[in-house]
PDB file of N, CA and C in Angstrom:
ATOM      1  N   MET A   1     -89.850  -1.979 -24.148  1.00  0.00           N
ATOM      2  CA  MET A   1     -90.116  -2.147 -22.742  1.00  0.00           C
ATOM      3  C   MET A   1     -91.609  -1.895 -22.511  1.00  0.00           C
ATOM      4  N   THR A   2     -92.266  -2.805 -21.845  1.00  0.00           N
ATOM      5  CA  THR A   2     -93.684  -2.667 -21.537  1.00  0.00           C
ATOM      6  C   THR A   2     -93.840  -2.342 -20.063  1.00  0.00           C
ATOM      7  N   ILE A   3     -94.572  -1.273 -19.781  1.00  0.00           N
ATOM      8  CA  ILE A   3     -94.837  -0.891 -18.394  1.00  0.00           C
ATOM      9  C   ILE A   3     -96.340  -0.919 -18.208  1.00  0.00           C
ATOM     10  N   GLY A   4     -96.798  -1.628 -17.204  1.00  0.00           N
ATOM     11  CA  GLY A   4     -98.224  -1.707 -16.936  1.00  0.00           C
ATOM     12  C   GLY A   4     -98.496  -2.575 -15.738  1.00  0.00           C
ATOM     13  N   ASP A   5     -99.739  -2.926 -15.562  1.00  0.00           N
ATOM     14  CA  ASP A   5    -100.205  -3.624 -14.369  1.00  0.00           C
ATOM     15  C   ASP A   5     -99.361  -4.842 -14.006  1.00  0.00           C
ATOM     16  N   LYS A   6     -99.037  -5.679 -14.979  1.00  0.00           N
ATOM     17  CA  LYS A   6     -98.299  -6.920 -14.682  1.00  0.00           C
ATOM     18  C   LYS A   6     -96.842  -6.672 -14.310  1.00  0.00           C
ATOM     19  N   THR A   7     -96.264  -5.575 -14.774  1.00  0.00           N
ATOM     20  CA  THR A   7     -94.854  -5.300 -14.488  1.00  0.00           C
ATOM     21  C   THR A   7     -94.652  -4.255 -13.402  1.00  0.00           C
ATOM     22  N   THR A   8     -95.738  -3.674 -12.914  1.00  0.00           N
ATOM     23  CA  THR A   8     -95.625  -2.597 -11.922  1.00  0.00           C
ATOM     24  C   THR A   8     -96.420  -2.895 -10.656  1.00  0.00           C
ATOM     25  N   TYR A   9     -96.552  -4.175 -10.343  1.00  0.00           N
ATOM     26  CA  TYR A   9     -97.160  -4.610  -9.086  1.00  0.00           C
ATOM     27  C   TYR A   9     -98.569  -4.048  -8.878  1.00  0.00           C
ATOM     28  N   GLY A  10     -99.389  -4.175  -9.897  1.00  0.00           N
ATOM     29  CA  GLY A  10    -100.789  -3.774  -9.788  1.00  0.00           C
ATOM     30  C   GLY A  10    -101.013  -2.276  -9.795  1.00  0.00           C
ATOM     31  N   SER A  11    -100.089  -1.529 -10.375  1.00  0.00           N
ATOM     32  CA  SER A  11    -100.247  -0.075 -10.420  1.00  0.00           C
ATOM     33  C   SER A  11    -100.071   0.411 -11.852  1.00  0.00           C
ATOM     34  N   GLN A  12    -100.480   1.651 -12.072  1.00  0.00           N
ATOM     35  CA  GLN A  12    -100.194   2.270 -13.361  1.00  0.00           C
ATOM     36  C   GLN A  12     -99.186   3.389 -13.113  1.00  0.00           C
ATOM     37  N   PRO A  13     -98.214   3.549 -14.010  1.00  0.00           N
ATOM     38  CA  PRO A  13     -97.156   4.532 -13.795  1.00  0.00           C
ATOM     39  C   PRO A  13     -97.706   5.945 -13.629  1.00  0.00           C
ATOM     40  N   THR A  14     -97.191   6.644 -12.623  1.00  0.00           N
ATOM     41  CA  THR A  14     -97.546   8.038 -12.383  1.00  0.00           C
ATOM     42  C   THR A  14     -96.366   8.927 -12.740  1.00  0.00           C
ATOM     43  N   PHE A  15     -95.211   8.676 -12.119  1.00  0.00           N
ATOM     44  CA  PHE A  15     -93.990   9.395 -12.473  1.00  0.00           C
ATOM     45  C   PHE A  15     -92.781   8.691 -11.876  1.00  0.00           C
ATOM     46  N   ILE A  16     -91.598   9.121 -12.305  1.00  0.00           N
ATOM     47  CA  ILE A  16     -90.333   8.640 -11.749  1.00  0.00           C
ATOM     48  C   ILE A  16     -89.658   9.834 -11.100  1.00  0.00           C
ATOM     49  N   LEU A  17     -89.319   9.682  -9.823  1.00  0.00           N
ATOM     50  CA  LEU A  17     -88.740  10.769  -9.046  1.00  0.00           C
ATOM     51  C   LEU A  17     -87.251  10.525  -8.836  1.00  0.00           C
ATOM     52  N   PRO A  18     -86.391  11.416  -9.358  1.00  0.00           N
ATOM     53  CA  PRO A  18     -84.965  11.282  -9.064  1.00  0.00           C
ATOM     54  C   PRO A  18     -84.674  11.856  -7.676  1.00  0.00           C
ATOM     55  N   VAL A  19     -83.993  11.084  -6.846  1.00  0.00           N
ATOM     56  CA  VAL A  19     -83.592  11.525  -5.508  1.00  0.00           C
ATOM     57  C   VAL A  19     -82.105  11.224  -5.383  1.00  0.00           C
ATOM     58  N   GLY A  20     -81.286  12.257  -5.473  1.00  0.00           N
ATOM     59  CA  GLY A  20     -79.838  12.042  -5.477  1.00  0.00           C
ATOM     60  C   GLY A  20     -79.456  11.170  -6.651  1.00  0.00           C
ATOM     61  N   ASP A  21     -78.789  10.054  -6.379  1.00  0.00           N
ATOM     62  CA  ASP A  21     -78.390   9.142  -7.452  1.00  0.00           C
ATOM     63  C   ASP A  21     -79.349   7.966  -7.587  1.00  0.00           C
ATOM     64  N   GLN A  22     -80.520   8.084  -6.983  1.00  0.00           N
ATOM     65  CA  GLN A  22     -81.521   7.017  -6.995  1.00  0.00           C
ATOM     66  C   GLN A  22     -82.747   7.448  -7.801  1.00  0.00           C
ATOM     67  N   LEU A  23     -83.470   6.469  -8.360  1.00  0.00           N
ATOM     68  CA  LEU A  23     -84.752   6.723  -9.017  1.00  0.00           C
ATOM     69  C   LEU A  23     -85.832   6.000  -8.234  1.00  0.00           C
ATOM     70  N   LEU A  24     -86.967   6.675  -8.025  1.00  0.00           N
ATOM     71  CA  LEU A  24     -88.102   6.052  -7.357  1.00  0.00           C
ATOM     72  C   LEU A  24     -89.285   6.013  -8.310  1.00  0.00           C
ATOM     73  N   TYR A  25     -89.839   4.837  -8.489  1.00  0.00           N
ATOM     74  CA  TYR A  25     -91.043   4.649  -9.302  1.00  0.00           C
ATOM     75  C   TYR A  25     -92.252   4.960  -8.436  1.00  0.00           C
ATOM     76  N   TRP A  26     -93.144   5.805  -8.917  1.00  0.00           N
ATOM     77  CA  TRP A  26     -94.424   6.076  -8.255  1.00  0.00           C
ATOM     78  C   TRP A  26     -95.527   5.595  -9.187  1.00  0.00           C
ATOM     79  N   GLY A  27     -96.399   4.765  -8.686  1.00  0.00           N
ATOM     80  CA  GLY A  27     -97.537   4.288  -9.460  1.00  0.00           C
ATOM     81  C   GLY A  27     -98.792   4.361  -8.618  1.00  0.00           C
ATOM     82  N   ASP A  28     -99.915   4.544  -9.264  1.00  0.00           N
ATOM     83  CA  ASP A  28    -101.158   4.596  -8.495  1.00  0.00           C
ATOM     84  C   ASP A  28    -101.974   3.328  -8.699  1.00  0.00           C
ATOM     85  N   ARG A  29    -102.651   2.959  -7.639  1.00  0.00           N
ATOM     86  CA  ARG A  29    -103.589   1.829  -7.676  1.00  0.00           C
ATOM     87  C   ARG A  29    -104.987   2.418  -7.579  1.00  0.00           C
ATOM     88  N   TRP A  30    -105.614   2.508  -8.715  1.00  0.00           N
ATOM     89  CA  TRP A  30    -106.914   3.141  -8.841  1.00  0.00           C
ATOM     90  C   TRP A  30    -108.012   2.174  -8.436  1.00  0.00           C
ATOM     91  N   ASN A  31    -108.926   2.638  -7.608  1.00  0.00           N
ATOM     92  CA  ASN A  31    -110.086   1.847  -7.220  1.00  0.00           C
ATOM     93  C   ASN A  31    -111.326   2.670  -7.557  1.00  0.00           C
ATOM     94  N   ALA A  32    -111.870   2.461  -8.742  1.00  0.00           N
ATOM     95  CA  ALA A  32    -113.000   3.261  -9.214  1.00  0.00           C
ATOM     96  C   ALA A  32    -114.257   3.052  -8.381  1.00  0.00           C
ATOM     97  N   GLU A  33    -114.408   1.874  -7.784  1.00  0.00           N
ATOM     98  CA  GLU A  33    -115.602   1.590  -6.990  1.00  0.00           C
ATOM     99  C   GLU A  33    -115.526   2.194  -5.593  1.00  0.00           C
ATOM    100  N   ASP A  34    -114.326   2.428  -5.093  1.00  0.00           N
ATOM    101  CA  ASP A  34    -114.153   3.009  -3.760  1.00  0.00           C
ATOM    102  C   ASP A  34    -112.935   3.924  -3.816  1.00  0.00           C
ATOM    103  N   TYR A  35    -113.148   5.106  -4.381  1.00  0.00           N
ATOM    104  CA  TYR A  35    -112.057   6.037  -4.664  1.00  0.00           C
ATOM    105  C   TYR A  35    -111.166   6.293  -3.443  1.00  0.00           C
ATOM    106  N   ASP A  36    -111.756   6.372  -2.253  1.00  0.00           N
ATOM    107  CA  ASP A  36    -110.976   6.639  -1.041  1.00  0.00           C
ATOM    108  C   ASP A  36    -109.965   5.541  -0.738  1.00  0.00           C
ATOM    109  N   GLN A  37    -110.125   4.374  -1.331  1.00  0.00           N
ATOM    110  CA  GLN A  37    -109.202   3.266  -1.110  1.00  0.00           C
ATOM    111  C   GLN A  37    -108.101   3.195  -2.172  1.00  0.00           C
ATOM    112  N   SER A  38    -108.084   4.152  -3.091  1.00  0.00           N
ATOM    113  CA  SER A  38    -106.997   4.224  -4.069  1.00  0.00           C
ATOM    114  C   SER A  38    -105.715   4.619  -3.342  1.00  0.00           C
ATOM    115  N   GLY A  39    -104.576   4.234  -3.890  1.00  0.00           N
ATOM    116  CA  GLY A  39    -103.316   4.565  -3.226  1.00  0.00           C
ATOM    117  C   GLY A  39    -102.156   4.561  -4.197  1.00  0.00           C
ATOM    118  N   TYR A  40    -100.964   4.650  -3.646  1.00  0.00           N
ATOM    119  CA  TYR A  40     -99.743   4.690  -4.437  1.00  0.00           C
ATOM    120  C   TYR A  40     -98.798   3.579  -4.013  1.00  0.00           C
ATOM    121  N   VAL A  41     -97.945   3.168  -4.931  1.00  0.00           N
ATOM    122  CA  VAL A  41     -96.808   2.306  -4.615  1.00  0.00           C
ATOM    123  C   VAL A  41     -95.551   3.090  -4.989  1.00  0.00           C
ATOM    124  N   VAL A  42     -94.517   2.919  -4.196  1.00  0.00           N
ATOM    125  CA  VAL A  42     -93.234   3.582  -4.444  1.00  0.00           C
ATOM    126  C   VAL A  42     -92.145   2.532  -4.301  1.00  0.00           C
ATOM    127  N   TYR A  43     -91.369   2.332  -5.368  1.00  0.00           N
ATOM    128  CA  TYR A  43     -90.306   1.329  -5.352  1.00  0.00           C
ATOM    129  C   TYR A  43     -89.030   1.910  -5.951  1.00  0.00           C
ATOM    130  N   PRO A  44     -87.878   1.478  -5.445  1.00  0.00           N
ATOM    131  CA  PRO A  44     -86.627   1.846  -6.105  1.00  0.00           C
ATOM    132  C   PRO A  44     -86.635   1.299  -7.534  1.00  0.00           C
ATOM    133  N   LEU A  45     -86.097   2.071  -8.435  1.00  0.00           N
ATOM    134  CA  LEU A  45     -86.119   1.719  -9.854  1.00  0.00           C
ATOM    135  C   LEU A  45     -84.708   1.813 -10.417  1.00  0.00           C
ATOM    136  N   SER A  46     -84.348   0.829 -11.224  1.00  0.00           N
ATOM    137  CA  SER A  46     -83.066   0.887 -11.927  1.00  0.00           C
ATOM    138  C   SER A  46     -83.252   0.286 -13.314  1.00  0.00           C
ATOM    139  N   PHE A  47     -82.269   0.505 -14.153  1.00  0.00           N
ATOM    140  CA  PHE A  47     -82.290  -0.030 -15.511  1.00  0.00           C
ATOM    141  C   PHE A  47     -81.001  -0.794 -15.747  1.00  0.00           C
ATOM    142  N   GLN A  48     -81.134  -1.965 -16.352  1.00  0.00           N
ATOM    143  CA  GLN A  48     -79.974  -2.795 -16.650  1.00  0.00           C
ATOM    144  C   GLN A  48     -80.217  -3.480 -17.990  1.00  0.00           C
ATOM    145  N   ASP A  49     -79.299  -3.291 -18.913  1.00  0.00           N
ATOM    146  CA  ASP A  49     -79.429  -3.882 -20.249  1.00  0.00           C
ATOM    147  C   ASP A  49     -80.797  -3.593 -20.860  1.00  0.00           C
ATOM    148  N   GLN A  50     -81.234  -2.346 -20.784  1.00  0.00           N
ATOM    149  CA  GLN A  50     -82.521  -1.877 -21.305  1.00  0.00           C
ATOM    150  C   GLN A  50     -83.713  -2.571 -20.660  1.00  0.00           C
ATOM    151  N   ARG A  51     -83.521  -3.084 -19.452  1.00  0.00           N
ATOM    152  CA  ARG A  51     -84.622  -3.689 -18.693  1.00  0.00           C
ATOM    153  C   ARG A  51     -84.862  -2.857 -17.446  1.00  0.00           C
ATOM    154  N   MET A  52     -86.117  -2.674 -17.131  1.00  0.00           N
ATOM    155  CA  MET A  52     -86.497  -1.954 -15.929  1.00  0.00           C
ATOM    156  C   MET A  52     -86.535  -2.934 -14.763  1.00  0.00           C
ATOM    157  N   ILE A  53     -85.921  -2.552 -13.655  1.00  0.00           N
ATOM    158  CA  ILE A  53     -85.902  -3.414 -12.479  1.00  0.00           C
ATOM    159  C   ILE A  53     -86.481  -2.642 -11.302  1.00  0.00           C
ATOM    160  N   MET A  54     -87.572  -3.171 -10.744  1.00  0.00           N
ATOM    161  CA  MET A  54     -88.171  -2.597  -9.539  1.00  0.00           C
ATOM    162  C   MET A  54     -88.070  -3.636  -8.441  1.00  0.00           C
ATOM    163  N   THR A  55     -87.602  -3.204  -7.298  1.00  0.00           N
ATOM    164  CA  THR A  55     -87.441  -4.115  -6.180  1.00  0.00           C
ATOM    165  C   THR A  55     -88.392  -3.703  -5.068  1.00  0.00           C
ATOM    166  N   PRO A  56     -89.439  -4.494  -4.817  1.00  0.00           N
ATOM    167  CA  PRO A  56     -90.360  -4.148  -3.731  1.00  0.00           C
ATOM    168  C   PRO A  56     -89.616  -4.062  -2.401  1.00  0.00           C
ATOM    169  N   THR A  57     -89.929  -3.056  -1.636  1.00  0.00           N
ATOM    170  CA  THR A  57     -89.311  -2.848  -0.334  1.00  0.00           C
ATOM    171  C   THR A  57     -90.315  -2.176   0.590  1.00  0.00           C
ATOM    172  N   LYS A  58     -90.169  -2.372   1.870  1.00  0.00           N
ATOM    173  CA  LYS A  58     -91.097  -1.769   2.831  1.00  0.00           C
ATOM    174  C   LYS A  58     -90.579  -0.458   3.387  1.00  0.00           C
ATOM    175  N   SER A  59     -89.286  -0.166   3.192  1.00  0.00           N
ATOM    176  CA  SER A  59     -88.737   1.091   3.702  1.00  0.00           C
ATOM    177  C   SER A  59     -87.562   1.526   2.830  1.00  0.00           C
ATOM    178  N   PHE A  60     -87.224   2.795   2.959  1.00  0.00           N
ATOM    179  CA  PHE A  60     -86.119   3.377   2.215  1.00  0.00           C
ATOM    180  C   PHE A  60     -85.157   4.021   3.198  1.00  0.00           C
ATOM    181  N   GLU A  61     -83.891   4.022   2.848  1.00  0.00           N
ATOM    182  CA  GLU A  61     -82.921   4.775   3.623  1.00  0.00           C
ATOM    183  C   GLU A  61     -82.562   6.015   2.824  1.00  0.00           C
ATOM    184  N   ARG A  62     -82.598   7.147   3.503  1.00  0.00           N
ATOM    185  CA  ARG A  62     -82.238   8.398   2.845  1.00  0.00           C
ATOM    186  C   ARG A  62     -80.808   8.759   3.217  1.00  0.00           C
ATOM    187  N   SER A  63     -80.116   9.325   2.273  1.00  0.00           N
ATOM    188  CA  SER A  63     -78.773   9.802   2.584  1.00  0.00           C
ATOM    189  C   SER A  63     -78.896  11.079   3.400  1.00  0.00           C
ATOM    190  N   LYS A  64     -77.854  11.448   4.116  1.00  0.00           N
ATOM    191  CA  LYS A  64     -77.884  12.630   4.976  1.00  0.00           C
ATOM    192  C   LYS A  64     -78.178  13.898   4.192  1.00  0.00           C
ATOM    193  N   GLU A  65     -77.772  13.949   2.928  1.00  0.00           N
ATOM    194  CA  GLU A  65     -78.007  15.154   2.138  1.00  0.00           C
ATOM    195  C   GLU A  65     -79.485  15.367   1.814  1.00  0.00           C
ATOM    196  N   HIS A  66     -80.322  14.348   1.984  1.00  0.00           N
ATOM    197  CA  HIS A  66     -81.745  14.476   1.671  1.00  0.00           C
ATOM    198  C   HIS A  66     -82.628  14.475   2.909  1.00  0.00           C
ATOM    199  N   VAL A  67     -82.043  14.559   4.082  1.00  0.00           N
ATOM    200  CA  VAL A  67     -82.842  14.548   5.321  1.00  0.00           C
ATOM    201  C   VAL A  67     -83.311  15.938   5.624  1.00  0.00           C
TER     202      VAL A  67
END
């Protein structure tokens, strides 16, 4: 499995956060020329048949146990 810029939507992997029964991919978008414009991407993450699947989304729903 290759993880990097082309497979992580222009980010480099930072960590994977388990939240209940969900996994969240956190990656950073480094901007060396304008550090203040660097940021993070967060996407739901799953694995299927040894393949990593990230689905871009604009919002997340939290279960009541995590509010």
